[in-house]
Structures are given as C-alpha cells and as structure tokens.
Amino acid sequence: MTHQQLQAMSMDELRSTRDLIQREIEYRAQEIKYELRIGDKVKVNHNRTVGMIFSVVEIKRKKAVVATLDGSRYNVALQLVEKAQ
C-alpha cells in the first residue's frame, strides 16, 4: 500500500485497516507462542540484538523471557521473537 493510497482513505477506513493489522500481529504472536518451547534458540528482531542468538527460558502470555549465553535475561514481546535456523 502506497502513501498516496493511504492519503485517499477516510478516517474510518484508516481505523479499520489499523485494527485489521493489529489483529494480524496479535494472531501471529500467538502462533509463535505455541511453536516455542523452553530451550529453543531464537533471534529477537530489535536493533540492539542484531546477530545475537538467545535461548527461551520462560513463555508468558504476551512475552517470552530469553537469555544470552552469558546469562543475561530479557523480557521480549512475542511479536519480536523468531526461531533461529
């Protein structure tokens, strides 16, 4: 979708599009949640963690606790987590 197409939309259309996108993000986060297991190796899609691999320590309702090799732990939103290859 281009910027011009967004500008042509009414406020109601923009709101409904935003709601659809938000629901899709939440749905995909739930899919990730059910695929993850404790001990899985994951990447976190964030600027500070480029190239880093984490291990899943705990899976919460909307977040996962991940740890680095040196033992540092982080609470990460499920939307940012993806399994490492």
N, C-alpha and C. Protein backbone atom coordinates (compact mmCIF):
# COMPACT_ATOMS: atom_id res chain seq x y z
N MET A 1 0.85 -1.17 0.00
CA MET A 1 0.00 0.00 0.00
C MET A 1 0.90 1.23 0.00
N THR A 2 0.59 2.14 -0.86
CA THR A 2 1.43 3.34 -1.01
C THR A 2 0.91 4.47 -0.13
N HIS A 3 1.73 5.47 0.01
CA HIS A 3 1.38 6.64 0.80
C HIS A 3 0.18 7.36 0.18
N GLN A 4 0.13 7.42 -1.14
CA GLN A 4 -1.00 8.08 -1.82
C GLN A 4 -2.31 7.34 -1.55
N GLN A 5 -2.27 6.02 -1.52
CA GLN A 5 -3.47 5.25 -1.24
C GLN A 5 -3.95 5.51 0.19
N LEU A 6 -3.01 5.62 1.11
CA LEU A 6 -3.39 5.92 2.49
C LEU A 6 -4.01 7.30 2.61
N GLN A 7 -3.45 8.26 1.89
CA GLN A 7 -3.99 9.62 1.95
C GLN A 7 -5.40 9.68 1.38
N ALA A 8 -5.74 8.82 0.44
CA ALA A 8 -7.05 8.83 -0.18
C ALA A 8 -8.12 8.19 0.71
N MET A 9 -7.72 7.47 1.76
CA MET A 9 -8.67 6.77 2.63
C MET A 9 -9.28 7.73 3.65
N SER A 10 -10.53 7.43 4.02
CA SER A 10 -11.18 8.22 5.07
C SER A 10 -10.65 7.77 6.44
N MET A 11 -11.00 8.52 7.46
CA MET A 11 -10.55 8.17 8.82
C MET A 11 -11.11 6.82 9.25
N ASP A 12 -12.37 6.55 8.91
CA ASP A 12 -12.97 5.26 9.26
C ASP A 12 -12.24 4.10 8.58
N GLU A 13 -11.89 4.29 7.31
CA GLU A 13 -11.14 3.26 6.59
C GLU A 13 -9.76 3.05 7.20
N LEU A 14 -9.12 4.13 7.58
CA LEU A 14 -7.81 4.03 8.21
C LEU A 14 -7.89 3.29 9.55
N ARG A 15 -8.90 3.61 10.34
CA ARG A 15 -9.07 2.94 11.63
C ARG A 15 -9.33 1.44 11.46
N SER A 16 -10.17 1.10 10.50
CA SER A 16 -10.47 -0.32 10.29
C SER A 16 -9.23 -1.05 9.77
N THR A 17 -8.45 -0.40 8.91
CA THR A 17 -7.21 -1.01 8.43
C THR A 17 -6.23 -1.21 9.57
N ARG A 18 -6.12 -0.22 10.44
CA ARG A 18 -5.24 -0.33 11.61
C ARG A 18 -5.67 -1.49 12.50
N ASP A 19 -6.97 -1.62 12.73
CA ASP A 19 -7.49 -2.72 13.56
C ASP A 19 -7.18 -4.08 12.93
N LEU A 20 -7.35 -4.19 11.62
CA LEU A 20 -7.03 -5.45 10.94
C LEU A 20 -5.56 -5.81 11.08
N ILE A 21 -4.70 -4.82 10.92
CA ILE A 21 -3.26 -5.05 11.04
C ILE A 21 -2.91 -5.46 12.46
N GLN A 22 -3.48 -4.80 13.45
CA GLN A 22 -3.19 -5.12 14.85
C GLN A 22 -3.65 -6.54 15.18
N ARG A 23 -4.83 -6.93 14.70
CA ARG A 23 -5.32 -8.30 14.93
C ARG A 23 -4.41 -9.34 14.28
N GLU A 24 -3.90 -9.03 13.10
CA GLU A 24 -2.99 -9.96 12.41
C GLU A 24 -1.67 -10.10 13.18
N ILE A 25 -1.16 -9.00 13.71
CA ILE A 25 0.07 -9.05 14.51
C ILE A 25 -0.14 -9.89 15.75
N GLU A 26 -1.26 -9.70 16.43
CA GLU A 26 -1.56 -10.49 17.63
C GLU A 26 -1.74 -11.97 17.31
N TYR A 27 -2.38 -12.26 16.18
CA TYR A 27 -2.57 -13.65 15.75
C TYR A 27 -1.23 -14.33 15.51
N ARG A 28 -0.34 -13.63 14.81
CA ARG A 28 0.99 -14.21 14.53
C ARG A 28 1.80 -14.39 15.80
N ALA A 29 1.64 -13.48 16.76
CA ALA A 29 2.34 -13.62 18.04
C ALA A 29 1.85 -14.87 18.77
N GLN A 30 0.56 -15.15 18.70
CA GLN A 30 0.03 -16.35 19.33
C GLN A 30 0.54 -17.61 18.64
N GLU A 31 0.67 -17.57 17.32
CA GLU A 31 1.26 -18.71 16.60
C GLU A 31 2.68 -18.97 17.07
N ILE A 32 3.44 -17.90 17.23
CA ILE A 32 4.83 -18.02 17.69
C ILE A 32 4.84 -18.62 19.09
N LYS A 33 3.93 -18.16 19.93
CA LYS A 33 3.87 -18.64 21.31
C LYS A 33 3.70 -20.16 21.36
N TYR A 34 2.83 -20.70 20.52
CA TYR A 34 2.56 -22.13 20.55
C TYR A 34 3.64 -22.94 19.86
N GLU A 35 4.49 -22.32 19.04
CA GLU A 35 5.61 -23.01 18.41
C GLU A 35 6.83 -23.07 19.33
N LEU A 36 6.95 -22.09 20.24
CA LEU A 36 8.13 -22.01 21.09
C LEU A 36 8.10 -23.05 22.20
N ARG A 37 9.28 -23.52 22.55
CA ARG A 37 9.47 -24.41 23.69
C ARG A 37 10.66 -23.89 24.49
N ILE A 38 10.65 -24.16 25.77
CA ILE A 38 11.76 -23.75 26.62
C ILE A 38 13.02 -24.44 26.12
N GLY A 39 14.07 -23.64 25.96
CA GLY A 39 15.33 -24.16 25.45
C GLY A 39 15.55 -23.90 23.98
N ASP A 40 14.51 -23.49 23.25
CA ASP A 40 14.66 -23.18 21.83
C ASP A 40 15.60 -22.01 21.63
N LYS A 41 16.32 -22.04 20.53
CA LYS A 41 17.20 -20.94 20.15
C LYS A 41 16.39 -19.98 19.28
N VAL A 42 16.43 -18.69 19.63
CA VAL A 42 15.64 -17.68 18.93
C VAL A 42 16.47 -16.45 18.62
N LYS A 43 15.97 -15.67 17.67
CA LYS A 43 16.51 -14.34 17.38
C LYS A 43 15.46 -13.34 17.84
N VAL A 44 15.90 -12.13 18.19
CA VAL A 44 14.98 -11.06 18.57
C VAL A 44 15.13 -9.95 17.54
N ASN A 45 14.02 -9.58 16.92
CA ASN A 45 14.02 -8.57 15.87
C ASN A 45 14.04 -7.18 16.50
N HIS A 46 15.25 -6.75 16.86
CA HIS A 46 15.42 -5.45 17.50
C HIS A 46 16.80 -4.93 17.14
N ASN A 47 16.95 -3.63 17.05
CA ASN A 47 18.22 -3.03 16.65
C ASN A 47 19.37 -3.38 17.58
N ARG A 48 19.13 -3.53 18.86
CA ARG A 48 20.19 -3.81 19.83
C ARG A 48 20.64 -5.27 19.82
N THR A 49 19.88 -6.13 19.18
CA THR A 49 20.20 -7.57 19.25
C THR A 49 20.53 -8.17 17.89
N VAL A 50 20.97 -7.35 16.95
CA VAL A 50 21.28 -7.85 15.61
C VAL A 50 22.37 -8.90 15.69
N GLY A 51 22.10 -10.07 15.12
CA GLY A 51 23.09 -11.14 15.08
C GLY A 51 23.20 -11.97 16.34
N MET A 52 22.43 -11.67 17.37
CA MET A 52 22.53 -12.40 18.62
C MET A 52 21.52 -13.55 18.64
N ILE A 53 21.92 -14.65 19.26
CA ILE A 53 21.05 -15.80 19.44
C ILE A 53 20.74 -15.93 20.93
N PHE A 54 19.48 -16.16 21.25
CA PHE A 54 19.04 -16.29 22.63
C PHE A 54 18.44 -17.67 22.85
N SER A 55 18.29 -18.02 24.10
CA SER A 55 17.63 -19.26 24.48
C SER A 55 16.37 -18.91 25.25
N VAL A 56 15.26 -19.59 24.95
CA VAL A 56 13.99 -19.31 25.63
C VAL A 56 14.05 -19.92 27.03
N VAL A 57 13.78 -19.10 28.04
CA VAL A 57 13.80 -19.54 29.43
C VAL A 57 12.38 -19.75 29.94
N GLU A 58 11.47 -18.84 29.55
CA GLU A 58 10.09 -18.89 30.03
C GLU A 58 9.19 -18.27 28.97
N ILE A 59 7.96 -18.77 28.86
CA ILE A 59 6.99 -18.22 27.92
C ILE A 59 5.80 -17.73 28.72
N LYS A 60 5.54 -16.44 28.62
CA LYS A 60 4.42 -15.83 29.34
C LYS A 60 3.27 -15.59 28.36
N ARG A 61 2.24 -14.89 28.82
CA ARG A 61 1.05 -14.66 27.99
C ARG A 61 1.39 -13.85 26.75
N LYS A 62 2.09 -12.73 26.90
CA LYS A 62 2.39 -11.88 25.76
C LYS A 62 3.88 -11.65 25.56
N LYS A 63 4.69 -12.23 26.43
CA LYS A 63 6.14 -12.04 26.35
C LYS A 63 6.86 -13.36 26.56
N ALA A 64 8.12 -13.37 26.16
CA ALA A 64 8.98 -14.51 26.41
C ALA A 64 10.21 -14.00 27.16
N VAL A 65 10.70 -14.80 28.09
CA VAL A 65 11.94 -14.47 28.77
C VAL A 65 13.03 -15.22 28.03
N VAL A 66 14.02 -14.48 27.52
CA VAL A 66 15.11 -15.08 26.77
C VAL A 66 16.42 -14.76 27.47
N ALA A 67 17.40 -15.63 27.29
CA ALA A 67 18.70 -15.45 27.93
C ALA A 67 19.81 -15.54 26.90
N THR A 68 20.87 -14.77 27.13
CA THR A 68 22.06 -14.86 26.29
C THR A 68 22.96 -15.95 26.85
N LEU A 69 24.04 -16.21 26.15
CA LEU A 69 24.97 -17.24 26.60
C LEU A 69 25.62 -16.89 27.93
N ASP A 70 25.80 -15.58 28.20
CA ASP A 70 26.42 -15.17 29.46
C ASP A 70 25.43 -15.10 30.62
N GLY A 71 24.14 -15.41 30.35
CA GLY A 71 23.15 -15.48 31.42
C GLY A 71 22.26 -14.27 31.57
N SER A 72 22.49 -13.22 30.79
CA SER A 72 21.62 -12.04 30.87
C SER A 72 20.24 -12.41 30.37
N ARG A 73 19.21 -11.98 31.09
CA ARG A 73 17.83 -12.30 30.72
C ARG A 73 17.08 -11.05 30.29
N TYR A 74 16.17 -11.24 29.34
CA TYR A 74 15.38 -10.14 28.82
C TYR A 74 13.93 -10.59 28.64
N ASN A 75 12.97 -9.71 28.95
CA ASN A 75 11.56 -9.93 28.64
C ASN A 75 11.33 -9.32 27.26
N VAL A 76 10.85 -10.14 26.34
CA VAL A 76 10.70 -9.70 24.95
C VAL A 76 9.28 -9.98 24.49
N ALA A 77 8.68 -9.02 23.81
CA ALA A 77 7.35 -9.23 23.24
C ALA A 77 7.41 -10.36 22.21
N LEU A 78 6.39 -11.20 22.20
CA LEU A 78 6.37 -12.34 21.29
C LEU A 78 6.42 -11.93 19.83
N GLN A 79 5.94 -10.72 19.51
CA GLN A 79 5.98 -10.24 18.13
C GLN A 79 7.41 -10.09 17.62
N LEU A 80 8.36 -9.91 18.54
CA LEU A 80 9.74 -9.68 18.14
C LEU A 80 10.57 -10.95 18.08
N VAL A 81 10.00 -12.08 18.47
CA VAL A 81 10.76 -13.33 18.57
C VAL A 81 10.54 -14.17 17.32
N GLU A 82 11.64 -14.74 16.82
CA GLU A 82 11.53 -15.71 15.72
C GLU A 82 12.56 -16.81 15.96
N LYS A 83 12.20 -18.02 15.59
CA LYS A 83 13.08 -19.16 15.80
C LYS A 83 14.34 -18.99 14.95
N ALA A 84 15.47 -19.33 15.55
CA ALA A 84 16.74 -19.29 14.82
C ALA A 84 16.87 -20.54 13.96
N GLN A 85 17.46 -20.40 12.82
CA GLN A 85 17.63 -21.55 11.90
C GLN A 85 18.79 -22.41 12.30
